[in-house]
Amino acid sequence: MANLDFFATRADHEALVRFLFGSTDVKVFESYSEFGRELREFRSFEELAAAFDVGEDPAGSGFAVLLQMWSPSVESGPRIERIALDPGKCDGHTLRYRIDGGGLIQLYFGGISGQAITKSHYGHFSEAGARKWGRSAGVDWAALKNLSNKIQHHIRNRLSVARVPGRPVLAEAYGYARAGYALKEAASSPIAYQLPDMG
């Protein structure tokens, strides 16, 4: 797995999404559709922000917005899968949809939760990991590596202004942290990352 956790709030998420649309070929989808609805593709930051309160994480889980990115240079598709639901457990709904593929890239947004900022996450299968789960066929792994390196470089080296152990801190989130917001995996975590002394 390629994984990168980072701290970001709304302006940081917006900067990342605009980079994705302006400088890569990825298409951005919600991970799962709402019950009884088609899966949504977001073609701009404005569309995404109309669907979700980007930058806010009311539950404090780090999973406020769950996205999947598909690149036509990496994998054919996209493949949209229908999921049958038990109407007795889903308010009468019988279906929802998700996007599927071994070459998908996950992008999960955390954000502000009370006086904390929860982590955001970027990740995808490695070829070895996908093979282990029977998901490696049809993926151009060299293309995925090149695309992923480009995105991770942008997060780590262009959007990030500080680092805590293993995690870049993006510009707006850094400002909140300097103002006293805690950087946490989840809002309920007893552990908070400490900003480095920049002076």
N, C-alpha and C. Protein backbone atom coordinates (compact mmCIF):
# COMPACT_ATOMS: atom_id res chain seq x y z
N MET A 1 0.83 -1.20 0.00
CA MET A 1 0.00 0.00 0.00
C MET A 1 0.87 1.25 0.00
N ALA A 2 0.48 2.23 -0.77
CA ALA A 2 1.07 3.57 -0.67
C ALA A 2 0.15 4.39 0.21
N ASN A 3 0.68 4.92 1.29
CA ASN A 3 -0.14 5.66 2.23
C ASN A 3 0.53 6.96 2.61
N LEU A 4 -0.25 8.02 2.70
CA LEU A 4 0.23 9.31 3.18
C LEU A 4 -0.89 9.95 3.98
N ASP A 5 -0.67 10.08 5.29
CA ASP A 5 -1.59 10.82 6.14
C ASP A 5 -1.08 12.24 6.28
N PHE A 6 -1.99 13.19 6.36
CA PHE A 6 -1.59 14.60 6.44
C PHE A 6 -2.69 15.38 7.15
N PHE A 7 -2.33 16.57 7.62
CA PHE A 7 -3.30 17.42 8.29
C PHE A 7 -3.67 18.58 7.38
N ALA A 8 -4.99 18.75 7.19
CA ALA A 8 -5.48 19.75 6.24
C ALA A 8 -6.86 20.22 6.68
N THR A 9 -7.18 21.45 6.34
CA THR A 9 -8.52 21.98 6.53
C THR A 9 -9.03 22.48 5.17
N ARG A 10 -10.14 23.20 5.17
CA ARG A 10 -10.85 23.44 3.91
C ARG A 10 -9.98 24.05 2.81
N ALA A 11 -9.24 25.11 3.10
CA ALA A 11 -8.44 25.75 2.06
C ALA A 11 -7.37 24.81 1.53
N ASP A 12 -6.84 23.96 2.41
CA ASP A 12 -5.84 22.98 2.00
C ASP A 12 -6.47 21.92 1.10
N HIS A 13 -7.63 21.43 1.50
CA HIS A 13 -8.33 20.46 0.66
C HIS A 13 -8.66 21.06 -0.71
N GLU A 14 -9.08 22.31 -0.69
CA GLU A 14 -9.39 22.97 -1.96
C GLU A 14 -8.16 23.07 -2.85
N ALA A 15 -7.03 23.45 -2.27
CA ALA A 15 -5.79 23.56 -3.05
C ALA A 15 -5.41 22.22 -3.64
N LEU A 16 -5.57 21.14 -2.88
CA LEU A 16 -5.24 19.82 -3.38
C LEU A 16 -6.19 19.41 -4.50
N VAL A 17 -7.48 19.61 -4.30
CA VAL A 17 -8.46 19.20 -5.32
C VAL A 17 -8.26 20.00 -6.61
N ARG A 18 -7.98 21.27 -6.49
CA ARG A 18 -7.74 22.07 -7.70
C ARG A 18 -6.49 21.59 -8.43
N PHE A 19 -5.47 21.19 -7.69
CA PHE A 19 -4.28 20.61 -8.32
C PHE A 19 -4.64 19.32 -9.06
N LEU A 20 -5.42 18.47 -8.42
CA LEU A 20 -5.80 17.20 -9.05
C LEU A 20 -6.53 17.43 -10.36
N PHE A 21 -7.48 18.38 -10.38
CA PHE A 21 -8.23 18.65 -11.60
C PHE A 21 -7.38 19.38 -12.63
N GLY A 22 -6.47 20.22 -12.19
CA GLY A 22 -5.70 21.02 -13.14
C GLY A 22 -4.43 20.39 -13.65
N SER A 23 -3.88 19.43 -12.89
CA SER A 23 -2.55 18.92 -13.24
C SER A 23 -2.46 17.41 -13.36
N THR A 24 -3.58 16.70 -13.21
CA THR A 24 -3.59 15.25 -13.39
C THR A 24 -4.83 14.88 -14.20
N ASP A 25 -4.92 13.60 -14.55
CA ASP A 25 -6.08 13.15 -15.32
C ASP A 25 -7.09 12.41 -14.45
N VAL A 26 -7.00 12.52 -13.13
CA VAL A 26 -7.91 11.76 -12.28
C VAL A 26 -9.34 12.28 -12.37
N LYS A 27 -10.26 11.35 -12.22
CA LYS A 27 -11.68 11.65 -12.06
C LYS A 27 -12.02 11.33 -10.61
N VAL A 28 -12.80 12.20 -9.98
CA VAL A 28 -13.05 12.09 -8.54
C VAL A 28 -14.50 11.65 -8.31
N PHE A 29 -14.66 10.57 -7.55
CA PHE A 29 -15.97 10.01 -7.23
C PHE A 29 -16.12 9.88 -5.72
N GLU A 30 -17.37 9.87 -5.26
CA GLU A 30 -17.59 9.48 -3.87
C GLU A 30 -17.34 7.97 -3.77
N SER A 31 -16.89 7.51 -2.60
CA SER A 31 -16.59 6.09 -2.44
C SER A 31 -17.85 5.24 -2.53
N TYR A 32 -18.91 5.69 -1.89
CA TYR A 32 -20.21 5.00 -1.90
C TYR A 32 -21.29 6.05 -2.15
N SER A 33 -22.30 5.65 -2.91
CA SER A 33 -23.41 6.56 -3.13
C SER A 33 -24.29 6.62 -1.88
N GLU A 34 -25.11 7.64 -1.82
CA GLU A 34 -26.15 7.66 -0.81
C GLU A 34 -27.13 6.52 -1.12
N PHE A 35 -27.88 6.09 -0.11
CA PHE A 35 -28.85 5.01 -0.32
C PHE A 35 -29.83 5.40 -1.42
N GLY A 36 -30.02 4.47 -2.36
CA GLY A 36 -31.00 4.68 -3.42
C GLY A 36 -30.60 5.69 -4.48
N ARG A 37 -29.36 6.17 -4.45
CA ARG A 37 -28.91 7.19 -5.40
C ARG A 37 -27.78 6.65 -6.27
N GLU A 38 -27.61 7.28 -7.44
CA GLU A 38 -26.48 6.97 -8.31
C GLU A 38 -25.19 7.48 -7.67
N LEU A 39 -24.09 6.89 -8.05
CA LEU A 39 -22.78 7.35 -7.57
C LEU A 39 -22.44 8.69 -8.21
N ARG A 40 -21.96 9.62 -7.40
CA ARG A 40 -21.66 10.96 -7.92
C ARG A 40 -20.19 11.10 -8.31
N GLU A 41 -19.98 11.72 -9.46
CA GLU A 41 -18.65 12.17 -9.85
C GLU A 41 -18.60 13.68 -9.63
N PHE A 42 -17.47 14.15 -9.09
CA PHE A 42 -17.30 15.57 -8.85
C PHE A 42 -16.29 16.12 -9.85
N ARG A 43 -16.69 17.12 -10.62
CA ARG A 43 -15.85 17.64 -11.70
C ARG A 43 -15.16 18.95 -11.35
N SER A 44 -15.39 19.43 -10.13
CA SER A 44 -14.77 20.67 -9.68
C SER A 44 -14.80 20.69 -8.16
N PHE A 45 -14.00 21.57 -7.58
CA PHE A 45 -14.06 21.73 -6.13
C PHE A 45 -15.44 22.24 -5.73
N GLU A 46 -16.03 23.11 -6.54
CA GLU A 46 -17.33 23.66 -6.21
C GLU A 46 -18.39 22.56 -6.11
N GLU A 47 -18.35 21.59 -7.01
CA GLU A 47 -19.30 20.47 -6.93
C GLU A 47 -19.08 19.67 -5.66
N LEU A 48 -17.83 19.42 -5.33
CA LEU A 48 -17.52 18.66 -4.11
C LEU A 48 -17.99 19.41 -2.87
N ALA A 49 -17.73 20.71 -2.83
CA ALA A 49 -18.11 21.51 -1.66
C ALA A 49 -19.63 21.68 -1.55
N ALA A 50 -20.34 21.54 -2.66
CA ALA A 50 -21.80 21.58 -2.61
C ALA A 50 -22.38 20.30 -2.02
N ALA A 51 -21.63 19.21 -2.12
CA ALA A 51 -22.09 17.92 -1.61
C ALA A 51 -21.65 17.65 -0.18
N PHE A 52 -20.51 18.18 0.22
CA PHE A 52 -19.94 17.92 1.54
C PHE A 52 -19.46 19.22 2.17
N ASP A 53 -19.47 19.25 3.49
CA ASP A 53 -18.92 20.39 4.22
C ASP A 53 -17.41 20.17 4.34
N VAL A 54 -16.72 20.40 3.25
CA VAL A 54 -15.28 20.12 3.17
C VAL A 54 -14.53 20.92 4.24
N GLY A 55 -13.62 20.25 4.91
CA GLY A 55 -12.82 20.90 5.94
C GLY A 55 -13.36 20.73 7.33
N GLU A 56 -14.59 20.23 7.46
CA GLU A 56 -15.20 19.98 8.76
C GLU A 56 -15.34 18.47 8.97
N ASP A 57 -15.12 18.02 10.20
CA ASP A 57 -15.24 16.61 10.54
C ASP A 57 -16.08 16.47 11.81
N PRO A 58 -17.40 16.63 11.70
CA PRO A 58 -18.26 16.64 12.89
C PRO A 58 -18.12 15.40 13.77
N ALA A 59 -17.95 14.23 13.16
CA ALA A 59 -17.83 12.99 13.93
C ALA A 59 -16.44 12.82 14.53
N GLY A 60 -15.47 13.57 14.01
CA GLY A 60 -14.12 13.50 14.55
C GLY A 60 -13.37 12.22 14.24
N SER A 61 -13.76 11.55 13.17
CA SER A 61 -13.18 10.25 12.84
C SER A 61 -12.01 10.30 11.86
N GLY A 62 -11.88 11.42 11.13
CA GLY A 62 -10.92 11.49 10.04
C GLY A 62 -11.49 10.97 8.73
N PHE A 63 -12.79 10.65 8.72
CA PHE A 63 -13.44 10.09 7.52
C PHE A 63 -14.68 10.89 7.16
N ALA A 64 -14.58 12.21 7.21
CA ALA A 64 -15.74 13.05 6.94
C ALA A 64 -16.14 13.00 5.47
N VAL A 65 -15.18 12.93 4.57
CA VAL A 65 -15.43 12.86 3.13
C VAL A 65 -14.59 11.71 2.58
N LEU A 66 -15.25 10.74 1.95
CA LEU A 66 -14.58 9.56 1.41
C LEU A 66 -14.66 9.59 -0.11
N LEU A 67 -13.50 9.73 -0.75
CA LEU A 67 -13.43 9.83 -2.20
C LEU A 67 -12.57 8.73 -2.79
N GLN A 68 -12.87 8.40 -4.05
CA GLN A 68 -12.05 7.48 -4.83
C GLN A 68 -11.66 8.20 -6.12
N MET A 69 -10.40 8.09 -6.49
CA MET A 69 -9.92 8.71 -7.72
C MET A 69 -9.55 7.64 -8.72
N TRP A 70 -10.07 7.80 -9.93
CA TRP A 70 -9.79 6.87 -11.03
C TRP A 70 -9.08 7.64 -12.12
N SER A 71 -8.02 7.03 -12.65
CA SER A 71 -7.26 7.63 -13.75
C SER A 71 -7.37 6.75 -14.99
N PRO A 72 -7.78 7.32 -16.13
CA PRO A 72 -7.86 6.53 -17.36
C PRO A 72 -6.49 6.08 -17.85
N SER A 73 -5.42 6.72 -17.42
CA SER A 73 -4.08 6.28 -17.80
C SER A 73 -3.61 5.09 -16.97
N VAL A 74 -4.32 4.79 -15.90
CA VAL A 74 -3.93 3.70 -14.99
C VAL A 74 -4.77 2.45 -15.20
N GLU A 75 -6.07 2.64 -15.46
CA GLU A 75 -6.98 1.49 -15.48
C GLU A 75 -8.19 1.82 -16.33
N SER A 76 -8.68 0.85 -17.09
CA SER A 76 -9.89 1.07 -17.87
C SER A 76 -11.08 1.13 -16.93
N GLY A 77 -12.15 1.66 -17.42
CA GLY A 77 -13.32 1.78 -16.55
C GLY A 77 -13.89 3.18 -16.63
N PRO A 78 -14.39 3.72 -15.55
CA PRO A 78 -14.46 3.09 -14.22
C PRO A 78 -15.56 2.04 -14.14
N ARG A 79 -15.42 1.14 -13.17
CA ARG A 79 -16.42 0.10 -12.96
C ARG A 79 -17.29 0.50 -11.76
N ILE A 80 -18.55 0.69 -12.02
CA ILE A 80 -19.51 1.05 -10.97
C ILE A 80 -20.28 -0.21 -10.59
N GLU A 81 -20.25 -0.53 -9.32
CA GLU A 81 -20.87 -1.76 -8.83
C GLU A 81 -22.12 -1.44 -8.02
N ARG A 82 -23.18 -2.18 -8.29
CA ARG A 82 -24.43 -2.03 -7.53
C ARG A 82 -24.36 -2.92 -6.29
N ILE A 83 -24.76 -2.38 -5.15
CA ILE A 83 -24.74 -3.11 -3.89
C ILE A 83 -26.17 -3.27 -3.41
N ALA A 84 -26.57 -4.52 -3.16
CA ALA A 84 -27.91 -4.78 -2.62
C ALA A 84 -27.92 -4.51 -1.12
N LEU A 85 -28.96 -3.84 -0.66
CA LEU A 85 -29.10 -3.51 0.75
C LEU A 85 -30.29 -4.24 1.36
N ASP A 86 -30.21 -4.46 2.64
CA ASP A 86 -31.33 -5.01 3.39
C ASP A 86 -32.25 -3.84 3.77
N PRO A 87 -33.43 -3.76 3.16
CA PRO A 87 -34.29 -2.60 3.43
C PRO A 87 -34.69 -2.47 4.89
N GLY A 88 -34.68 -3.58 5.62
CA GLY A 88 -35.02 -3.54 7.03
C GLY A 88 -33.98 -2.84 7.87
N LYS A 89 -32.76 -2.74 7.34
CA LYS A 89 -31.68 -2.10 8.08
C LYS A 89 -31.26 -0.76 7.47
N CYS A 90 -31.87 -0.40 6.35
CA CYS A 90 -31.45 0.81 5.62
C CYS A 90 -32.63 1.70 5.28
N ASP A 91 -33.56 1.85 6.21
CA ASP A 91 -34.70 2.75 6.04
C ASP A 91 -35.48 2.48 4.76
N GLY A 92 -35.60 1.21 4.41
CA GLY A 92 -36.38 0.83 3.24
C GLY A 92 -35.63 0.83 1.93
N HIS A 93 -34.39 1.28 1.93
CA HIS A 93 -33.62 1.34 0.70
C HIS A 93 -33.07 -0.04 0.34
N THR A 94 -32.98 -0.30 -0.96
CA THR A 94 -32.58 -1.63 -1.43
C THR A 94 -31.26 -1.63 -2.19
N LEU A 95 -30.70 -0.44 -2.48
CA LEU A 95 -29.46 -0.44 -3.25
C LEU A 95 -28.66 0.84 -3.02
N ARG A 96 -27.39 0.72 -3.32
CA ARG A 96 -26.48 1.87 -3.42
C ARG A 96 -25.38 1.44 -4.38
N TYR A 97 -24.46 2.35 -4.70
CA TYR A 97 -23.41 2.05 -5.67
C TYR A 97 -22.04 2.41 -5.11
N ARG A 98 -21.04 1.75 -5.67
CA ARG A 98 -19.66 2.10 -5.34
C ARG A 98 -18.81 1.93 -6.59
N ILE A 99 -17.65 2.56 -6.58
CA ILE A 99 -16.70 2.40 -7.68
C ILE A 99 -15.69 1.34 -7.28
N ASP A 100 -15.27 0.53 -8.25
CA ASP A 100 -14.38 -0.59 -7.95
C ASP A 100 -13.20 -0.60 -8.91
N GLY A 101 -12.06 -1.08 -8.43
CA GLY A 101 -10.87 -1.23 -9.26
C GLY A 101 -9.61 -1.28 -8.43
N GLY A 102 -8.68 -2.13 -8.84
CA GLY A 102 -7.42 -2.26 -8.10
C GLY A 102 -6.51 -1.07 -8.21
N GLY A 103 -6.74 -0.21 -9.23
CA GLY A 103 -5.88 0.95 -9.43
C GLY A 103 -6.47 2.25 -8.92
N LEU A 104 -7.54 2.16 -8.14
CA LEU A 104 -8.15 3.37 -7.58
C LEU A 104 -7.26 3.98 -6.50
N ILE A 105 -7.38 5.28 -6.32
CA ILE A 105 -6.66 6.00 -5.27
C ILE A 105 -7.69 6.53 -4.28
N GLN A 106 -7.46 6.27 -3.00
CA GLN A 106 -8.36 6.73 -1.96
C GLN A 106 -7.91 8.12 -1.46
N LEU A 107 -8.88 9.00 -1.26
CA LEU A 107 -8.63 10.31 -0.69
C LEU A 107 -9.72 10.57 0.34
N TYR A 108 -9.33 10.56 1.60
CA TYR A 108 -10.27 10.73 2.70
C TYR A 108 -9.94 12.03 3.42
N PHE A 109 -10.94 12.85 3.65
CA PHE A 109 -10.74 14.13 4.31
C PHE A 109 -11.21 14.09 5.75
N GLY A 110 -10.34 14.49 6.66
CA GLY A 110 -10.72 14.83 8.01
C GLY A 110 -10.97 16.33 8.04
N GLY A 111 -10.57 16.97 9.15
CA GLY A 111 -10.75 18.41 9.23
C GLY A 111 -11.01 18.86 10.65
N ILE A 112 -11.68 19.98 10.78
CA ILE A 112 -11.90 20.57 12.10
C ILE A 112 -13.02 19.82 12.82
N SER A 113 -12.71 19.43 14.06
CA SER A 113 -13.68 18.77 14.92
C SER A 113 -13.50 19.35 16.32
N GLY A 114 -14.36 20.29 16.68
CA GLY A 114 -14.18 20.99 17.94
C GLY A 114 -12.89 21.80 17.90
N GLN A 115 -11.99 21.53 18.85
CA GLN A 115 -10.70 22.21 18.89
C GLN A 115 -9.58 21.32 18.37
N ALA A 116 -9.94 20.34 17.57
CA ALA A 116 -8.96 19.43 16.98
C ALA A 116 -9.04 19.47 15.46
N ILE A 117 -7.95 19.07 14.82
CA ILE A 117 -7.93 18.83 13.38
C ILE A 117 -7.59 17.36 13.20
N THR A 118 -8.50 16.61 12.58
CA THR A 118 -8.26 15.19 12.35
C THR A 118 -7.53 14.98 11.03
N LYS A 119 -6.83 13.88 10.94
CA LYS A 119 -5.99 13.63 9.77
C LYS A 119 -6.82 13.39 8.52
N SER A 120 -6.21 13.70 7.38
CA SER A 120 -6.71 13.31 6.07
C SER A 120 -5.79 12.19 5.56
N HIS A 121 -6.23 11.49 4.52
CA HIS A 121 -5.49 10.29 4.09
C HIS A 121 -5.49 10.16 2.56
N TYR A 122 -4.34 9.79 2.04
CA TYR A 122 -4.16 9.47 0.62
C TYR A 122 -3.58 8.06 0.56
N GLY A 123 -4.08 7.20 -0.34
CA GLY A 123 -3.51 5.86 -0.41
C GLY A 123 -4.04 5.05 -1.58
N HIS A 124 -3.33 3.97 -1.89
CA HIS A 124 -3.76 3.03 -2.93
C HIS A 124 -2.98 1.74 -2.79
N PHE A 125 -3.42 0.71 -3.48
CA PHE A 125 -2.73 -0.57 -3.50
C PHE A 125 -1.34 -0.42 -4.14
N SER A 126 -0.39 -1.19 -3.64
CA SER A 126 0.82 -1.48 -4.40
C SER A 126 0.50 -2.67 -5.30
N GLU A 127 1.37 -2.93 -6.28
CA GLU A 127 1.13 -4.08 -7.15
C GLU A 127 1.12 -5.37 -6.36
N ALA A 128 2.08 -5.51 -5.43
CA ALA A 128 2.15 -6.73 -4.61
C ALA A 128 0.91 -6.89 -3.76
N GLY A 129 0.46 -5.80 -3.16
CA GLY A 129 -0.73 -5.86 -2.33
C GLY A 129 -1.97 -6.21 -3.14
N ALA A 130 -2.09 -5.61 -4.31
CA ALA A 130 -3.25 -5.89 -5.17
C ALA A 130 -3.23 -7.35 -5.63
N ARG A 131 -2.05 -7.85 -5.94
CA ARG A 131 -1.94 -9.25 -6.38
C ARG A 131 -2.40 -10.19 -5.26
N LYS A 132 -2.02 -9.87 -4.04
CA LYS A 132 -2.40 -10.68 -2.89
C LYS A 132 -3.92 -10.81 -2.76
N TRP A 133 -4.64 -9.73 -3.11
CA TRP A 133 -6.09 -9.72 -2.99
C TRP A 133 -6.77 -10.01 -4.33
N GLY A 134 -5.99 -10.41 -5.34
CA GLY A 134 -6.57 -10.71 -6.64
C GLY A 134 -7.10 -9.50 -7.37
N ARG A 135 -6.45 -8.32 -7.17
CA ARG A 135 -6.94 -7.07 -7.75
C ARG A 135 -5.94 -6.41 -8.70
N SER A 136 -4.92 -7.14 -9.15
CA SER A 136 -3.83 -6.51 -9.90
C SER A 136 -4.05 -6.46 -11.40
N ALA A 137 -4.95 -7.28 -11.94
CA ALA A 137 -5.13 -7.36 -13.39
C ALA A 137 -5.67 -6.06 -13.95
N GLY A 138 -5.15 -5.67 -15.12
CA GLY A 138 -5.68 -4.53 -15.84
C GLY A 138 -5.20 -3.17 -15.36
N VAL A 139 -4.24 -3.15 -14.42
CA VAL A 139 -3.73 -1.90 -13.88
C VAL A 139 -2.33 -1.64 -14.45
N ASP A 140 -2.10 -0.44 -14.96
CA ASP A 140 -0.77 -0.03 -15.39
C ASP A 140 -0.04 0.49 -14.16
N TRP A 141 0.73 -0.37 -13.53
CA TRP A 141 1.34 -0.04 -12.23
C TRP A 141 2.41 1.03 -12.36
N ALA A 142 3.12 1.06 -13.48
CA ALA A 142 4.11 2.12 -13.69
C ALA A 142 3.43 3.48 -13.78
N ALA A 143 2.29 3.53 -14.48
CA ALA A 143 1.54 4.79 -14.60
C ALA A 143 1.00 5.22 -13.24
N LEU A 144 0.51 4.26 -12.45
CA LEU A 144 0.01 4.60 -11.12
C LEU A 144 1.13 5.12 -10.24
N LYS A 145 2.29 4.52 -10.32
CA LYS A 145 3.43 4.98 -9.51
C LYS A 145 3.81 6.41 -9.89
N ASN A 146 3.87 6.69 -11.18
CA ASN A 146 4.23 8.05 -11.63
C ASN A 146 3.19 9.08 -11.18
N LEU A 147 1.92 8.74 -11.35
CA LEU A 147 0.85 9.63 -10.94
C LEU A 147 0.88 9.86 -9.43
N SER A 148 1.04 8.77 -8.68
CA SER A 148 1.05 8.87 -7.23
C SER A 148 2.23 9.68 -6.72
N ASN A 149 3.39 9.47 -7.32
CA ASN A 149 4.57 10.25 -6.92
C ASN A 149 4.33 11.75 -7.14
N LYS A 150 3.67 12.08 -8.23
CA LYS A 150 3.38 13.48 -8.54
C LYS A 150 2.44 14.08 -7.49
N ILE A 151 1.40 13.35 -7.12
CA ILE A 151 0.45 13.85 -6.14
C ILE A 151 1.08 13.94 -4.76
N GLN A 152 1.81 12.89 -4.37
CA GLN A 152 2.44 12.91 -3.05
C GLN A 152 3.50 14.01 -2.95
N HIS A 153 4.24 14.22 -4.04
CA HIS A 153 5.23 15.30 -4.04
C HIS A 153 4.54 16.65 -3.84
N HIS A 154 3.41 16.82 -4.48
CA HIS A 154 2.69 18.09 -4.34
C HIS A 154 2.24 18.30 -2.89
N ILE A 155 1.72 17.25 -2.28
CA ILE A 155 1.28 17.36 -0.88
C ILE A 155 2.46 17.63 0.04
N ARG A 156 3.52 16.82 -0.11
CA ARG A 156 4.66 16.90 0.82
C ARG A 156 5.49 18.17 0.64
N ASN A 157 5.67 18.59 -0.60
CA ASN A 157 6.68 19.62 -0.88
C ASN A 157 6.12 20.96 -1.34
N ARG A 158 4.87 21.00 -1.74
CA ARG A 158 4.30 22.27 -2.20
C ARG A 158 3.20 22.77 -1.29
N LEU A 159 2.35 21.87 -0.81
CA LEU A 159 1.26 22.29 0.06
C LEU A 159 1.65 22.29 1.54
N SER A 160 2.58 21.44 1.89
CA SER A 160 3.00 21.31 3.29
C SER A 160 3.90 22.47 3.71
N VAL A 161 3.68 22.96 4.93
CA VAL A 161 4.54 24.02 5.48
C VAL A 161 5.26 23.56 6.74
N ALA A 162 4.88 22.41 7.26
CA ALA A 162 5.53 21.85 8.45
C ALA A 162 5.27 20.35 8.46
N ARG A 163 5.95 19.66 9.36
CA ARG A 163 5.76 18.21 9.50
C ARG A 163 5.72 17.84 10.97
N VAL A 164 4.86 16.89 11.27
CA VAL A 164 4.91 16.20 12.55
C VAL A 164 5.29 14.76 12.19
N PRO A 165 5.63 13.91 13.14
CA PRO A 165 6.13 12.58 12.76
C PRO A 165 5.27 11.85 11.73
N GLY A 166 5.85 11.68 10.53
CA GLY A 166 5.19 10.93 9.48
C GLY A 166 4.06 11.63 8.77
N ARG A 167 3.79 12.91 9.10
CA ARG A 167 2.63 13.56 8.54
C ARG A 167 2.91 15.02 8.18
N PRO A 168 2.74 15.39 6.91
CA PRO A 168 2.82 16.80 6.54
C PRO A 168 1.65 17.58 7.14
N VAL A 169 1.90 18.84 7.43
CA VAL A 169 0.85 19.75 7.90
C VAL A 169 0.71 20.84 6.84
N LEU A 170 -0.47 20.94 6.26
CA LEU A 170 -0.68 21.91 5.18
C LEU A 170 -0.97 23.30 5.76
N ALA A 171 -0.92 24.29 4.89
CA ALA A 171 -0.81 25.69 5.34
C ALA A 171 -1.94 26.15 6.26
N GLU A 172 -3.20 25.95 5.85
CA GLU A 172 -4.28 26.45 6.70
C GLU A 172 -4.36 25.67 8.00
N ALA A 173 -4.18 24.35 7.93
CA ALA A 173 -4.17 23.54 9.15
C ALA A 173 -3.06 23.97 10.09
N TYR A 174 -1.93 24.33 9.53
CA TYR A 174 -0.81 24.82 10.35
C TYR A 174 -1.22 26.09 11.10
N GLY A 175 -1.91 26.98 10.42
CA GLY A 175 -2.38 28.20 11.08
C GLY A 175 -3.32 27.90 12.23
N TYR A 176 -4.23 26.96 12.03
CA TYR A 176 -5.13 26.56 13.11
C TYR A 176 -4.33 25.95 14.27
N ALA A 177 -3.37 25.10 13.93
CA ALA A 177 -2.56 24.46 14.98
C ALA A 177 -1.77 25.49 15.78
N ARG A 178 -1.25 26.49 15.10
CA ARG A 178 -0.53 27.57 15.79
C ARG A 178 -1.47 28.36 16.71
N ALA A 179 -2.75 28.37 16.35
CA ALA A 179 -3.74 29.08 17.16
C ALA A 179 -4.31 28.23 18.30
N GLY A 180 -3.82 26.98 18.42
CA GLY A 180 -4.21 26.15 19.55
C GLY A 180 -5.02 24.91 19.24
N TYR A 181 -5.33 24.68 17.98
CA TYR A 181 -6.04 23.45 17.62
C TYR A 181 -5.09 22.26 17.70
N ALA A 182 -5.57 21.14 18.21
CA ALA A 182 -4.75 19.94 18.35
C ALA A 182 -4.76 19.14 17.05
N LEU A 183 -3.61 18.60 16.69
CA LEU A 183 -3.49 17.73 15.51
C LEU A 183 -3.60 16.29 15.98
N LYS A 184 -4.68 15.61 15.57
CA LYS A 184 -4.96 14.27 16.09
C LYS A 184 -5.36 13.31 14.96
N GLU A 185 -5.12 12.04 15.20
CA GLU A 185 -5.62 11.00 14.28
C GLU A 185 -7.15 11.07 14.24
N ALA A 186 -7.75 11.13 15.41
CA ALA A 186 -9.19 11.28 15.57
C ALA A 186 -9.41 12.21 16.76
N ALA A 187 -10.55 12.88 16.78
CA ALA A 187 -10.79 13.87 17.84
C ALA A 187 -10.77 13.25 19.22
N SER A 188 -11.17 11.97 19.32
CA SER A 188 -11.22 11.30 20.62
C SER A 188 -9.87 10.79 21.09
N SER A 189 -8.86 10.84 20.24
CA SER A 189 -7.54 10.34 20.62
C SER A 189 -6.95 11.18 21.75
N PRO A 190 -6.34 10.53 22.75
CA PRO A 190 -5.69 11.29 23.83
C PRO A 190 -4.36 11.89 23.41
N ILE A 191 -3.85 11.49 22.27
CA ILE A 191 -2.53 11.92 21.81
C ILE A 191 -2.67 12.98 20.73
N ALA A 192 -1.91 14.04 20.87
CA ALA A 192 -1.87 15.10 19.86
C ALA A 192 -0.44 15.29 19.39
N TYR A 193 -0.26 15.54 18.10
CA TYR A 193 1.07 15.82 17.56
C TYR A 193 1.48 17.24 17.90
N GLN A 194 2.73 17.40 18.21
CA GLN A 194 3.26 18.72 18.53
C GLN A 194 3.96 19.32 17.31
N LEU A 195 3.63 20.56 17.01
CA LEU A 195 4.31 21.24 15.91
C LEU A 195 5.79 21.44 16.24
N PRO A 196 6.65 21.35 15.22
CA PRO A 196 8.06 21.62 15.47
C PRO A 196 8.28 23.10 15.77
N ASP A 197 9.35 23.39 16.48
CA ASP A 197 9.71 24.77 16.76
C ASP A 197 10.27 25.37 15.48
N MET A 198 9.54 26.30 14.88
CA MET A 198 9.94 26.88 13.60
C MET A 198 10.86 28.08 13.77
N GLY A 199 11.07 28.50 15.02
CA GLY A 199 11.85 29.70 15.21
C GLY A 199 13.20 29.48 15.78
